[in-house]
Amino acid sequence: MPLITNEWQVLFLVWILFQWELDESIHLHVLLLLLYQELLHVLLDVKQIVDLFLSQDLRAKGQSQVDSFYGA
């Protein structure tokens, strides 16, 4: 189960983080730790979408080459 399930929860965590009186350099590190798993999910989803797009694009190009070879 991901730590964060939607954009509002992300914004809420960011808001909470910046309410803390931490040194500025710590803010980003804490935020990244909070969001680490969610960022991985997002990156993996993006990779899957790109892979799917590329595989469909390559299939379409391959089919068009086959069609042009056989004169379809």
C-alpha atoms as a PDB file:
ATOM      1  CA  MET A   1       0.000   0.000   0.000  1.00  0.00           C
ATOM      2  CA  PRO A   2       1.602   3.280  -1.071  1.00  0.00           C
ATOM      3  CA  LEU A   3       2.248   5.977   1.487  1.00  0.00           C
ATOM      4  CA  ILE A   4       0.523   8.591  -0.639  1.00  0.00           C
ATOM      5  CA  THR A   5      -2.486   7.878  -2.803  1.00  0.00           C
ATOM      6  CA  ASN A   6      -3.273  11.219  -4.413  1.00  0.00           C
ATOM      7  CA  GLU A   7      -2.029  14.737  -5.078  1.00  0.00           C
ATOM      8  CA  TRP A   8      -3.826  16.270  -2.092  1.00  0.00           C
ATOM      9  CA  GLN A   9      -2.006  13.998   0.305  1.00  0.00           C
ATOM     10  CA  VAL A  10       1.290  14.995  -1.298  1.00  0.00           C
ATOM     11  CA  LEU A  11       0.446  18.669  -0.876  1.00  0.00           C
ATOM     12  CA  PHE A  12      -0.591  18.070   2.721  1.00  0.00           C
ATOM     13  CA  LEU A  13       2.706  16.332   3.506  1.00  0.00           C
ATOM     14  CA  VAL A  14       4.656  19.151   1.891  1.00  0.00           C
ATOM     15  CA  TRP A  15       2.667  21.711   3.879  1.00  0.00           C
ATOM     16  CA  ILE A  16       3.334  19.837   7.137  1.00  0.00           C
ATOM     17  CA  LEU A  17       7.003  19.513   6.287  1.00  0.00           C
ATOM     18  CA  PHE A  18       7.449  23.243   5.768  1.00  0.00           C
ATOM     19  CA  GLN A  19       5.607  24.060   8.988  1.00  0.00           C
ATOM     20  CA  TRP A  20       8.408  22.407  10.897  1.00  0.00           C
ATOM     21  CA  GLU A  21      11.211  24.657  11.975  1.00  0.00           C
ATOM     22  CA  LEU A  22      13.999  22.733  10.341  1.00  0.00           C
ATOM     23  CA  ASP A  23      17.120  23.888   8.684  1.00  0.00           C
ATOM     24  CA  GLU A  24      16.371  24.574   4.994  1.00  0.00           C
ATOM     25  CA  SER A  25      18.784  21.888   3.825  1.00  0.00           C
ATOM     26  CA  ILE A  26      16.869  19.245   5.786  1.00  0.00           C
ATOM     27  CA  HIS A  27      13.483  20.005   4.180  1.00  0.00           C
ATOM     28  CA  LEU A  28      14.275  18.381   0.855  1.00  0.00           C
ATOM     29  CA  HIS A  29      15.831  15.301   2.437  1.00  0.00           C
ATOM     30  CA  VAL A  30      12.838  14.706   4.701  1.00  0.00           C
ATOM     31  CA  LEU A  31      10.440  15.284   1.826  1.00  0.00           C
ATOM     32  CA  LEU A  32      12.281  12.796  -0.357  1.00  0.00           C
ATOM     33  CA  LEU A  33      12.233  10.228   2.438  1.00  0.00           C
ATOM     34  CA  LEU A  34       8.488  10.713   2.876  1.00  0.00           C
ATOM     35  CA  LEU A  35       7.834  10.438  -0.837  1.00  0.00           C
ATOM     36  CA  TYR A  36      10.469   7.844  -1.748  1.00  0.00           C
ATOM     37  CA  GLN A  37       8.143   4.881  -2.273  1.00  0.00           C
ATOM     38  CA  GLU A  38       5.541   6.977  -4.046  1.00  0.00           C
ATOM     39  CA  LEU A  39       8.213   8.417  -6.330  1.00  0.00           C
ATOM     40  CA  LEU A  40       9.301   4.886  -7.187  1.00  0.00           C
ATOM     41  CA  HIS A  41       5.717   3.958  -8.046  1.00  0.00           C
ATOM     42  CA  VAL A  42       5.383   7.034 -10.253  1.00  0.00           C
ATOM     43  CA  LEU A  43       8.677   6.369 -12.032  1.00  0.00           C
ATOM     44  CA  LEU A  44       7.761   2.732 -12.607  1.00  0.00           C
ATOM     45  CA  ASP A  45       4.340   3.752 -13.939  1.00  0.00           C
ATOM     46  CA  VAL A  46       5.973   6.244 -16.312  1.00  0.00           C
ATOM     47  CA  LYS A  47       8.425   3.578 -17.484  1.00  0.00           C
ATOM     48  CA  GLN A  48       5.580   1.121 -18.094  1.00  0.00           C
ATOM     49  CA  ILE A  49       3.630   3.742 -20.056  1.00  0.00           C
ATOM     50  CA  VAL A  50       6.680   4.589 -22.168  1.00  0.00           C
ATOM     51  CA  ASP A  51       7.424   0.898 -22.747  1.00  0.00           C
ATOM     52  CA  LEU A  52       3.811   0.282 -23.767  1.00  0.00           C
ATOM     53  CA  PHE A  53       3.847   3.280 -26.104  1.00  0.00           C
ATOM     54  CA  LEU A  54       7.134   2.199 -27.684  1.00  0.00           C
ATOM     55  CA  SER A  55       5.988  -1.392 -28.112  1.00  0.00           C
ATOM     56  CA  GLN A  56       2.752  -0.251 -29.786  1.00  0.00           C
ATOM     57  CA  ASP A  57       4.663   2.217 -31.945  1.00  0.00           C
ATOM     58  CA  LEU A  58       7.150  -0.472 -33.005  1.00  0.00           C
ATOM     59  CA  ARG A  59       4.304  -2.902 -33.730  1.00  0.00           C
ATOM     60  CA  ALA A  60       2.563  -0.277 -35.866  1.00  0.00           C
ATOM     61  CA  LYS A  61       5.791   0.446 -37.770  1.00  0.00           C
ATOM     62  CA  GLY A  62       6.424  -3.254 -38.247  1.00  0.00           C
ATOM     63  CA  GLN A  63       2.883  -3.804 -39.524  1.00  0.00           C
ATOM     64  CA  SER A  64       3.188  -0.875 -41.954  1.00  0.00           C
ATOM     65  CA  GLN A  65       6.454  -2.335 -43.282  1.00  0.00           C
ATOM     66  CA  VAL A  66       4.787  -5.726 -43.748  1.00  0.00           C
ATOM     67  CA  ASP A  67       1.821  -4.079 -45.470  1.00  0.00           C
ATOM     68  CA  SER A  68       4.089  -2.118 -47.817  1.00  0.00           C
ATOM     69  CA  PHE A  69       6.117  -5.251 -48.588  1.00  0.00           C
ATOM     70  CA  TYR A  70       2.997  -7.210 -49.568  1.00  0.00           C
ATOM     71  CA  GLY A  71       1.375  -4.208 -51.259  1.00  0.00           C
ATOM     72  CA  ALA A  72      -1.576  -3.979 -48.875  1.00  0.00           C
END
